[in-house]
Amino acid sequence: MTDWSENDVIAVADWSQCALVERIPGKVSGAWLVKGTRLPVWAIMNHADDYTPEEIATEIFPSVSADVVRQIIEFARSHVGVHA
């Protein structure tokens, strides 16, 4: 398991370009969250190397669909090193 933090999530990509996430000041300390939830993006990314999106969605975070998990992981991986 990769140990992601909010700082890692911010460093990877410009998350404002991902329609599946939101950042609301004062909500979960302003972390990037799966839209409509209190689930931080870094929590999904912590499991991305060890579990499939389906396992993450059904076993770890059942409030989020496997499709959303997959798209967030793909967004992060496709933007590594792109964010300035």
C-alpha atoms as a PDB file:
ATOM      1  CA  MET A   1       0.000   0.000   0.000  1.00  0.00           C
ATOM      2  CA  THR A   2       1.281   3.435  -0.942  1.00  0.00           C
ATOM      3  CA  ASP A   3       0.936   5.924   1.893  1.00  0.00           C
ATOM      4  CA  TRP A   4      -0.730   8.955   0.296  1.00  0.00           C
ATOM      5  CA  SER A   5      -1.437  12.204   2.104  1.00  0.00           C
ATOM      6  CA  GLU A   6      -3.424  15.261   1.073  1.00  0.00           C
ATOM      7  CA  ASN A   7      -0.126  16.929   0.097  1.00  0.00           C
ATOM      8  CA  ASP A   8       0.643  14.023  -2.249  1.00  0.00           C
ATOM      9  CA  VAL A   9      -2.790  14.323  -3.861  1.00  0.00           C
ATOM     10  CA  ILE A  10      -2.301  18.047  -4.415  1.00  0.00           C
ATOM     11  CA  ALA A  11       1.178  17.507  -5.865  1.00  0.00           C
ATOM     12  CA  VAL A  12       0.036  14.877  -8.376  1.00  0.00           C
ATOM     13  CA  ALA A  13      -2.567  16.800 -10.337  1.00  0.00           C
ATOM     14  CA  ASP A  14      -4.773  19.824 -10.749  1.00  0.00           C
ATOM     15  CA  TRP A  15      -7.806  18.159  -9.208  1.00  0.00           C
ATOM     16  CA  SER A  16     -10.039  21.064 -10.189  1.00  0.00           C
ATOM     17  CA  GLN A  17      -9.974  19.446 -13.664  1.00  0.00           C
ATOM     18  CA  CYS A  18     -11.539  16.212 -12.351  1.00  0.00           C
ATOM     19  CA  ALA A  19     -15.348  16.398 -12.325  1.00  0.00           C
ATOM     20  CA  LEU A  20     -15.579  13.561  -9.784  1.00  0.00           C
ATOM     21  CA  VAL A  21     -14.013  15.458  -6.897  1.00  0.00           C
ATOM     22  CA  GLU A  22     -14.613  18.649  -4.970  1.00  0.00           C
ATOM     23  CA  ARG A  23     -12.853  20.790  -2.411  1.00  0.00           C
ATOM     24  CA  ILE A  24     -14.957  22.739   0.051  1.00  0.00           C
ATOM     25  CA  PRO A  25     -13.239  24.966   2.617  1.00  0.00           C
ATOM     26  CA  GLY A  26     -13.988  23.674   6.105  1.00  0.00           C
ATOM     27  CA  LYS A  27     -15.200  20.254   4.933  1.00  0.00           C
ATOM     28  CA  VAL A  28     -12.711  17.545   5.975  1.00  0.00           C
ATOM     29  CA  SER A  29     -10.094  20.268   6.442  1.00  0.00           C
ATOM     30  CA  GLY A  30     -10.419  21.381   2.815  1.00  0.00           C
ATOM     31  CA  ALA A  31      -9.181  18.062   1.388  1.00  0.00           C
ATOM     32  CA  TRP A  32     -10.044  16.941  -2.136  1.00  0.00           C
ATOM     33  CA  LEU A  33     -13.077  14.669  -1.706  1.00  0.00           C
ATOM     34  CA  VAL A  34     -15.114  12.360  -3.874  1.00  0.00           C
ATOM     35  CA  LYS A  35     -17.963  14.642  -4.916  1.00  0.00           C
ATOM     36  CA  GLY A  36     -20.963  14.438  -2.583  1.00  0.00           C
ATOM     37  CA  THR A  37     -19.067  12.520   0.110  1.00  0.00           C
ATOM     38  CA  ARG A  38     -16.617  13.092   2.934  1.00  0.00           C
ATOM     39  CA  LEU A  39     -14.208  10.548   1.405  1.00  0.00           C
ATOM     40  CA  PRO A  40     -10.763  12.053   0.709  1.00  0.00           C
ATOM     41  CA  VAL A  41      -9.111  11.230  -2.600  1.00  0.00           C
ATOM     42  CA  TRP A  42      -5.931  10.240  -0.744  1.00  0.00           C
ATOM     43  CA  ALA A  43      -7.865   7.473   1.031  1.00  0.00           C
ATOM     44  CA  ILE A  44      -8.716   5.881  -2.316  1.00  0.00           C
ATOM     45  CA  MET A  45      -5.178   6.317  -3.596  1.00  0.00           C
ATOM     46  CA  ASN A  46      -3.772   4.585  -0.499  1.00  0.00           C
ATOM     47  CA  HIS A  47      -5.417   1.375  -1.727  1.00  0.00           C
ATOM     48  CA  ALA A  48      -4.956   1.770  -5.491  1.00  0.00           C
ATOM     49  CA  ASP A  49      -1.829  -0.393  -5.745  1.00  0.00           C
ATOM     50  CA  ASP A  50      -3.147  -3.297  -3.688  1.00  0.00           C
ATOM     51  CA  TYR A  51      -6.829  -3.558  -4.625  1.00  0.00           C
ATOM     52  CA  THR A  52      -8.962  -3.381  -7.759  1.00  0.00           C
ATOM     53  CA  PRO A  53     -11.463  -0.531  -8.039  1.00  0.00           C
ATOM     54  CA  GLU A  54     -14.213  -3.106  -7.459  1.00  0.00           C
ATOM     55  CA  GLU A  55     -12.595  -4.266  -4.207  1.00  0.00           C
ATOM     56  CA  ILE A  56     -12.078  -0.689  -3.048  1.00  0.00           C
ATOM     57  CA  ALA A  57     -15.725   0.141  -3.769  1.00  0.00           C
ATOM     58  CA  THR A  58     -17.306  -2.969  -2.296  1.00  0.00           C
ATOM     59  CA  GLU A  59     -14.998  -3.862   0.588  1.00  0.00           C
ATOM     60  CA  ILE A  60     -13.371  -0.621   1.726  1.00  0.00           C
ATOM     61  CA  PHE A  61     -15.567   2.329   0.665  1.00  0.00           C
ATOM     62  CA  PRO A  62     -19.004   0.966  -0.294  1.00  0.00           C
ATOM     63  CA  SER A  63     -20.464   4.467  -0.552  1.00  0.00           C
ATOM     64  CA  VAL A  64     -18.549   4.997  -3.823  1.00  0.00           C
ATOM     65  CA  SER A  65     -19.026   3.070  -7.066  1.00  0.00           C
ATOM     66  CA  ALA A  66     -16.241   1.073  -8.669  1.00  0.00           C
ATOM     67  CA  ASP A  67     -16.540   3.249 -11.768  1.00  0.00           C
ATOM     68  CA  VAL A  68     -15.891   6.425  -9.766  1.00  0.00           C
ATOM     69  CA  VAL A  69     -12.952   4.784  -7.966  1.00  0.00           C
ATOM     70  CA  ARG A  70     -11.502   3.638 -11.313  1.00  0.00           C
ATOM     71  CA  GLN A  71     -11.820   7.085 -12.884  1.00  0.00           C
ATOM     72  CA  ILE A  72     -10.196   8.830  -9.915  1.00  0.00           C
ATOM     73  CA  ILE A  73      -7.262   6.402  -9.945  1.00  0.00           C
ATOM     74  CA  GLU A  74      -6.865   6.805 -13.713  1.00  0.00           C
ATOM     75  CA  PHE A  75      -6.987  10.594 -13.388  1.00  0.00           C
ATOM     76  CA  ALA A  76      -4.272  10.564 -10.729  1.00  0.00           C
ATOM     77  CA  ARG A  77      -2.035   8.160 -12.631  1.00  0.00           C
ATOM     78  CA  SER A  78      -2.410  10.044 -15.911  1.00  0.00           C
ATOM     79  CA  HIS A  79      -1.486  13.337 -14.273  1.00  0.00           C
ATOM     80  CA  VAL A  80       1.583  12.296 -12.288  1.00  0.00           C
ATOM     81  CA  GLY A  81       4.248  14.864 -13.050  1.00  0.00           C
ATOM     82  CA  VAL A  82       1.895  17.072 -15.093  1.00  0.00           C
ATOM     83  CA  HIS A  83       0.839  19.421 -12.281  1.00  0.00           C
ATOM     84  CA  ALA A  84       3.142  22.410 -11.959  1.00  0.00           C
END
